[in-house]
N, C-alpha and C. Protein backbone atom coordinates (compact mmCIF):
# COMPACT_ATOMS: atom_id res chain seq x y z
N MET A 1 -55.71 10.28 1.52
CA MET A 1 -55.12 11.56 1.83
C MET A 1 -53.65 11.53 1.43
N LEU A 2 -53.19 12.56 0.77
CA LEU A 2 -51.80 12.69 0.35
C LEU A 2 -51.17 13.93 0.98
N TYR A 3 -49.90 13.83 1.30
CA TYR A 3 -49.11 14.96 1.75
C TYR A 3 -47.91 15.04 0.83
N GLN A 4 -47.52 16.26 0.45
CA GLN A 4 -46.39 16.42 -0.46
C GLN A 4 -45.46 17.52 0.03
N GLN A 5 -44.17 17.25 -0.11
CA GLN A 5 -43.14 18.25 0.14
C GLN A 5 -42.12 18.08 -0.99
N GLY A 6 -42.10 19.03 -1.90
CA GLY A 6 -41.21 18.92 -3.06
C GLY A 6 -41.54 17.67 -3.84
N ASP A 7 -40.55 16.80 -4.03
CA ASP A 7 -40.76 15.57 -4.79
C ASP A 7 -41.16 14.38 -3.94
N VAL A 8 -41.36 14.57 -2.64
CA VAL A 8 -41.74 13.47 -1.75
C VAL A 8 -43.25 13.49 -1.51
N LEU A 9 -43.87 12.32 -1.68
CA LEU A 9 -45.30 12.14 -1.43
C LEU A 9 -45.50 11.16 -0.29
N LEU A 10 -46.46 11.45 0.57
CA LEU A 10 -46.85 10.52 1.63
C LEU A 10 -48.30 10.15 1.41
N LYS A 11 -48.57 8.85 1.29
CA LYS A 11 -49.92 8.35 1.07
C LYS A 11 -50.34 7.52 2.28
N VAL A 12 -51.51 7.81 2.82
CA VAL A 12 -52.02 7.07 3.98
C VAL A 12 -52.22 5.61 3.60
N VAL A 13 -51.74 4.71 4.47
CA VAL A 13 -51.92 3.27 4.28
C VAL A 13 -52.39 2.68 5.61
N SER A 14 -52.86 1.45 5.54
CA SER A 14 -53.20 0.75 6.78
C SER A 14 -52.32 -0.48 6.88
N GLY A 15 -51.43 -0.47 7.83
CA GLY A 15 -50.50 -1.58 8.02
C GLY A 15 -49.16 -1.32 7.36
N ILE A 16 -48.12 -1.52 8.14
CA ILE A 16 -46.76 -1.31 7.66
C ILE A 16 -45.98 -2.60 7.83
N LYS A 17 -45.19 -2.93 6.81
CA LYS A 17 -44.31 -4.09 6.88
C LYS A 17 -42.87 -3.60 6.81
N GLY A 18 -41.96 -4.51 7.06
CA GLY A 18 -40.57 -4.21 6.79
C GLY A 18 -39.70 -4.07 8.02
N LYS A 19 -38.47 -3.74 7.73
CA LYS A 19 -37.44 -3.58 8.75
C LYS A 19 -37.41 -2.14 9.22
N LYS A 20 -37.40 -1.96 10.53
CA LYS A 20 -37.31 -0.62 11.10
C LYS A 20 -35.91 -0.07 10.85
N LEU A 21 -35.85 1.17 10.36
CA LEU A 21 -34.58 1.83 10.10
C LEU A 21 -34.18 2.69 11.29
N ASN A 22 -32.90 3.04 11.36
CA ASN A 22 -32.41 3.82 12.50
C ASN A 22 -32.25 5.30 12.16
N HIS A 23 -33.01 5.79 11.18
CA HIS A 23 -32.98 7.21 10.82
C HIS A 23 -34.39 7.63 10.39
N LEU A 24 -34.58 8.93 10.20
CA LEU A 24 -35.89 9.46 9.80
C LEU A 24 -35.77 10.33 8.55
N THR A 25 -34.82 10.00 7.67
CA THR A 25 -34.66 10.72 6.40
C THR A 25 -35.41 9.98 5.32
N LEU A 26 -36.44 10.64 4.77
CA LEU A 26 -37.30 10.01 3.77
C LEU A 26 -36.68 10.03 2.38
N ALA A 27 -35.89 11.04 2.07
CA ALA A 27 -35.23 11.15 0.76
C ALA A 27 -34.08 12.14 0.84
N LYS A 28 -33.07 11.90 0.01
CA LYS A 28 -31.92 12.80 -0.08
C LYS A 28 -31.81 13.32 -1.51
N GLY A 29 -31.38 14.58 -1.64
CA GLY A 29 -31.15 15.16 -2.96
C GLY A 29 -29.97 14.51 -3.65
N GLU A 30 -30.08 14.31 -4.97
CA GLU A 30 -29.03 13.64 -5.72
C GLU A 30 -27.75 14.47 -5.80
N SER A 31 -27.89 15.79 -5.89
CA SER A 31 -26.69 16.61 -6.10
C SER A 31 -26.49 17.67 -5.03
N THR A 32 -27.54 18.06 -4.32
CA THR A 32 -27.42 19.19 -3.38
C THR A 32 -27.08 18.78 -1.96
N GLY A 33 -27.34 17.52 -1.61
CA GLY A 33 -27.15 17.10 -0.23
C GLY A 33 -28.33 17.46 0.66
N HIS A 34 -29.34 18.13 0.11
CA HIS A 34 -30.54 18.43 0.88
C HIS A 34 -31.29 17.14 1.18
N HIS A 35 -32.15 17.18 2.19
CA HIS A 35 -32.88 15.96 2.56
C HIS A 35 -34.24 16.29 3.15
N HIS A 36 -35.16 15.34 2.99
CA HIS A 36 -36.49 15.40 3.58
C HIS A 36 -36.44 14.53 4.83
N THR A 37 -36.54 15.17 6.00
CA THR A 37 -36.34 14.46 7.26
C THR A 37 -37.39 14.87 8.28
N ILE A 38 -37.84 13.90 9.06
CA ILE A 38 -38.72 14.18 10.19
C ILE A 38 -37.84 14.77 11.30
N THR A 39 -38.16 16.01 11.71
CA THR A 39 -37.33 16.69 12.70
C THR A 39 -38.03 16.94 14.03
N LYS A 40 -39.35 16.83 14.05
CA LYS A 40 -40.10 17.01 15.30
C LYS A 40 -41.17 15.93 15.37
N GLY A 41 -41.44 15.49 16.58
CA GLY A 41 -42.46 14.46 16.78
C GLY A 41 -41.81 13.08 16.90
N ASP A 42 -42.63 12.12 17.30
CA ASP A 42 -42.18 10.75 17.48
C ASP A 42 -42.61 9.95 16.25
N ALA A 43 -41.64 9.39 15.53
CA ALA A 43 -41.95 8.65 14.30
C ALA A 43 -40.94 7.53 14.10
N GLU A 44 -41.30 6.59 13.22
CA GLU A 44 -40.43 5.49 12.86
C GLU A 44 -40.48 5.32 11.34
N LEU A 45 -39.36 4.90 10.77
CA LEU A 45 -39.27 4.68 9.33
C LEU A 45 -38.95 3.21 9.09
N TYR A 46 -39.64 2.61 8.12
CA TYR A 46 -39.46 1.20 7.78
C TYR A 46 -39.17 1.07 6.29
N GLU A 47 -38.50 -0.03 5.91
CA GLU A 47 -38.24 -0.32 4.51
C GLU A 47 -38.66 -1.75 4.21
N HIS A 48 -39.42 -1.91 3.13
CA HIS A 48 -39.85 -3.25 2.70
C HIS A 48 -39.77 -3.31 1.18
N GLU A 49 -38.89 -4.17 0.68
CA GLU A 49 -38.72 -4.38 -0.76
C GLU A 49 -38.52 -3.07 -1.52
N GLY A 50 -37.66 -2.21 -0.98
CA GLY A 50 -37.32 -0.95 -1.64
C GLY A 50 -38.31 0.18 -1.44
N ILE A 51 -39.35 -0.05 -0.68
CA ILE A 51 -40.36 0.98 -0.41
C ILE A 51 -40.24 1.41 1.05
N LEU A 52 -40.27 2.73 1.27
CA LEU A 52 -40.23 3.27 2.63
C LEU A 52 -41.64 3.49 3.16
N PHE A 53 -41.78 3.27 4.46
CA PHE A 53 -43.03 3.51 5.16
C PHE A 53 -42.73 4.34 6.40
N LEU A 54 -43.58 5.31 6.67
CA LEU A 54 -43.44 6.19 7.83
C LEU A 54 -44.59 5.94 8.79
N LYS A 55 -44.26 5.78 10.06
CA LYS A 55 -45.29 5.65 11.11
C LYS A 55 -45.11 6.83 12.06
N VAL A 56 -46.12 7.70 12.13
CA VAL A 56 -46.09 8.83 13.06
C VAL A 56 -46.81 8.38 14.32
N LEU A 57 -46.07 8.33 15.42
CA LEU A 57 -46.60 7.83 16.69
C LEU A 57 -47.20 8.95 17.54
N SER A 58 -46.61 10.13 17.48
CA SER A 58 -47.12 11.27 18.24
C SER A 58 -48.34 11.86 17.51
N ASP A 59 -48.98 12.84 18.11
CA ASP A 59 -50.15 13.47 17.47
C ASP A 59 -49.82 14.01 16.09
N GLU A 60 -48.58 14.48 15.92
CA GLU A 60 -48.12 14.97 14.62
C GLU A 60 -46.60 14.95 14.59
N ALA A 61 -46.06 15.00 13.38
CA ALA A 61 -44.62 15.09 13.18
C ALA A 61 -44.37 16.14 12.10
N THR A 62 -43.18 16.71 12.11
CA THR A 62 -42.84 17.76 11.15
C THR A 62 -41.79 17.25 10.16
N LEU A 63 -42.12 17.35 8.88
CA LEU A 63 -41.21 16.99 7.80
C LEU A 63 -40.54 18.27 7.31
N THR A 64 -39.21 18.31 7.32
CA THR A 64 -38.50 19.52 6.91
C THR A 64 -37.56 19.24 5.74
N HIS A 65 -37.22 20.32 5.03
CA HIS A 65 -36.30 20.30 3.90
C HIS A 65 -35.69 21.69 3.80
N GLN A 66 -34.47 21.79 3.32
CA GLN A 66 -33.77 23.06 3.28
C GLN A 66 -34.39 24.08 2.33
N GLU A 67 -35.12 23.64 1.30
CA GLU A 67 -35.67 24.56 0.31
C GLU A 67 -37.20 24.62 0.29
N HIS A 68 -37.86 23.80 1.09
CA HIS A 68 -39.32 23.76 1.10
C HIS A 68 -39.84 24.09 2.48
N GLY A 69 -41.08 24.56 2.56
CA GLY A 69 -41.70 24.81 3.84
C GLY A 69 -41.93 23.51 4.59
N ALA A 70 -41.93 23.60 5.91
CA ALA A 70 -42.19 22.42 6.74
C ALA A 70 -43.62 21.94 6.51
N VAL A 71 -43.81 20.62 6.61
CA VAL A 71 -45.12 20.00 6.46
C VAL A 71 -45.43 19.24 7.74
N VAL A 72 -46.58 19.52 8.33
CA VAL A 72 -47.00 18.81 9.54
C VAL A 72 -47.82 17.59 9.12
N ILE A 73 -47.38 16.43 9.58
CA ILE A 73 -48.00 15.15 9.22
C ILE A 73 -48.71 14.61 10.47
N PRO A 74 -50.03 14.35 10.37
CA PRO A 74 -50.74 13.81 11.54
C PRO A 74 -50.38 12.35 11.83
N GLN A 75 -50.71 11.93 13.04
CA GLN A 75 -50.48 10.55 13.47
C GLN A 75 -51.07 9.60 12.44
N GLY A 76 -50.33 8.54 12.12
CA GLY A 76 -50.83 7.55 11.17
C GLY A 76 -49.69 6.82 10.49
N GLU A 77 -50.07 6.03 9.47
CA GLU A 77 -49.11 5.23 8.71
C GLU A 77 -49.14 5.67 7.26
N TYR A 78 -47.94 5.78 6.65
CA TYR A 78 -47.83 6.34 5.31
C TYR A 78 -46.82 5.56 4.47
N GLU A 79 -47.11 5.46 3.19
CA GLU A 79 -46.13 4.98 2.22
C GLU A 79 -45.43 6.21 1.66
N VAL A 80 -44.11 6.14 1.57
CA VAL A 80 -43.31 7.24 1.06
C VAL A 80 -43.07 7.01 -0.43
N GLY A 81 -43.44 7.99 -1.24
CA GLY A 81 -43.24 7.88 -2.67
C GLY A 81 -42.53 9.11 -3.21
N VAL A 82 -42.21 9.05 -4.49
CA VAL A 82 -41.54 10.15 -5.17
C VAL A 82 -42.39 10.57 -6.35
N VAL A 83 -42.55 11.88 -6.53
CA VAL A 83 -43.32 12.41 -7.65
C VAL A 83 -42.67 11.97 -8.95
N LYS A 84 -43.48 11.52 -9.89
CA LYS A 84 -43.00 11.11 -11.21
C LYS A 84 -43.43 12.14 -12.24
N GLU A 85 -42.60 12.32 -13.25
CA GLU A 85 -42.99 13.15 -14.38
C GLU A 85 -42.97 12.27 -15.62
N TYR A 86 -43.85 12.54 -16.55
CA TYR A 86 -43.95 11.73 -17.75
C TYR A 86 -43.39 12.51 -18.93
N ASP A 87 -42.41 11.92 -19.60
CA ASP A 87 -41.80 12.52 -20.79
C ASP A 87 -42.54 11.98 -22.00
N HIS A 88 -43.39 12.80 -22.58
CA HIS A 88 -44.21 12.36 -23.71
C HIS A 88 -43.38 12.05 -24.95
N PHE A 89 -42.22 12.69 -25.08
CA PHE A 89 -41.39 12.44 -26.26
C PHE A 89 -40.70 11.08 -26.18
N SER A 90 -40.20 10.72 -25.01
CA SER A 90 -39.55 9.42 -24.86
C SER A 90 -40.52 8.35 -24.38
N GLU A 91 -41.73 8.77 -24.03
CA GLU A 91 -42.80 7.88 -23.55
C GLU A 91 -42.35 7.06 -22.34
N GLU A 92 -41.78 7.76 -21.35
CA GLU A 92 -41.39 7.09 -20.13
C GLU A 92 -41.57 8.01 -18.92
N ALA A 93 -41.78 7.39 -17.78
CA ALA A 93 -41.91 8.15 -16.53
C ALA A 93 -40.54 8.22 -15.87
N LYS A 94 -40.25 9.36 -15.25
CA LYS A 94 -38.99 9.57 -14.56
C LYS A 94 -39.28 10.15 -13.19
N SER A 95 -38.43 9.84 -12.23
CA SER A 95 -38.53 10.45 -10.91
C SER A 95 -38.11 11.91 -11.02
N VAL A 96 -38.83 12.77 -10.32
CA VAL A 96 -38.47 14.19 -10.28
C VAL A 96 -37.22 14.30 -9.41
N ARG A 97 -36.25 15.08 -9.86
CA ARG A 97 -35.01 15.26 -9.09
C ARG A 97 -35.13 16.50 -8.23
N ASP A 98 -34.72 16.36 -6.98
CA ASP A 98 -34.78 17.47 -6.02
C ASP A 98 -33.42 18.05 -5.81
C-alpha cells in the first residue's frame, strides 16, 4: 500500500530501524519553505542510513502541506520516499522538487 502527498511517498514496511528523531517533518521544500509534516495523531519519525521511517502509533495520523490536501495515514510503519522523475534525454532519474 502506498500513500502520496505531492512528492512524498509512504510505503508500508514491517519493522523500523534507526534513530528516533525529535520532529515529525517528512520533507521540506527546497525553495518555498513548505513542508510535509504530521500534524495530528501520535507518530514517531526515525532515520537509518539516510532513509526516513514513520511509525503511526494512533489509529491514524494526518500529513499536511501548505499546497496539498491533507492525507490521513492509518496506524502502521512506513518508509518515506520521494517521487522520482526520469529524464529520457539525459538518461537519469531525478527527485521531483516541491
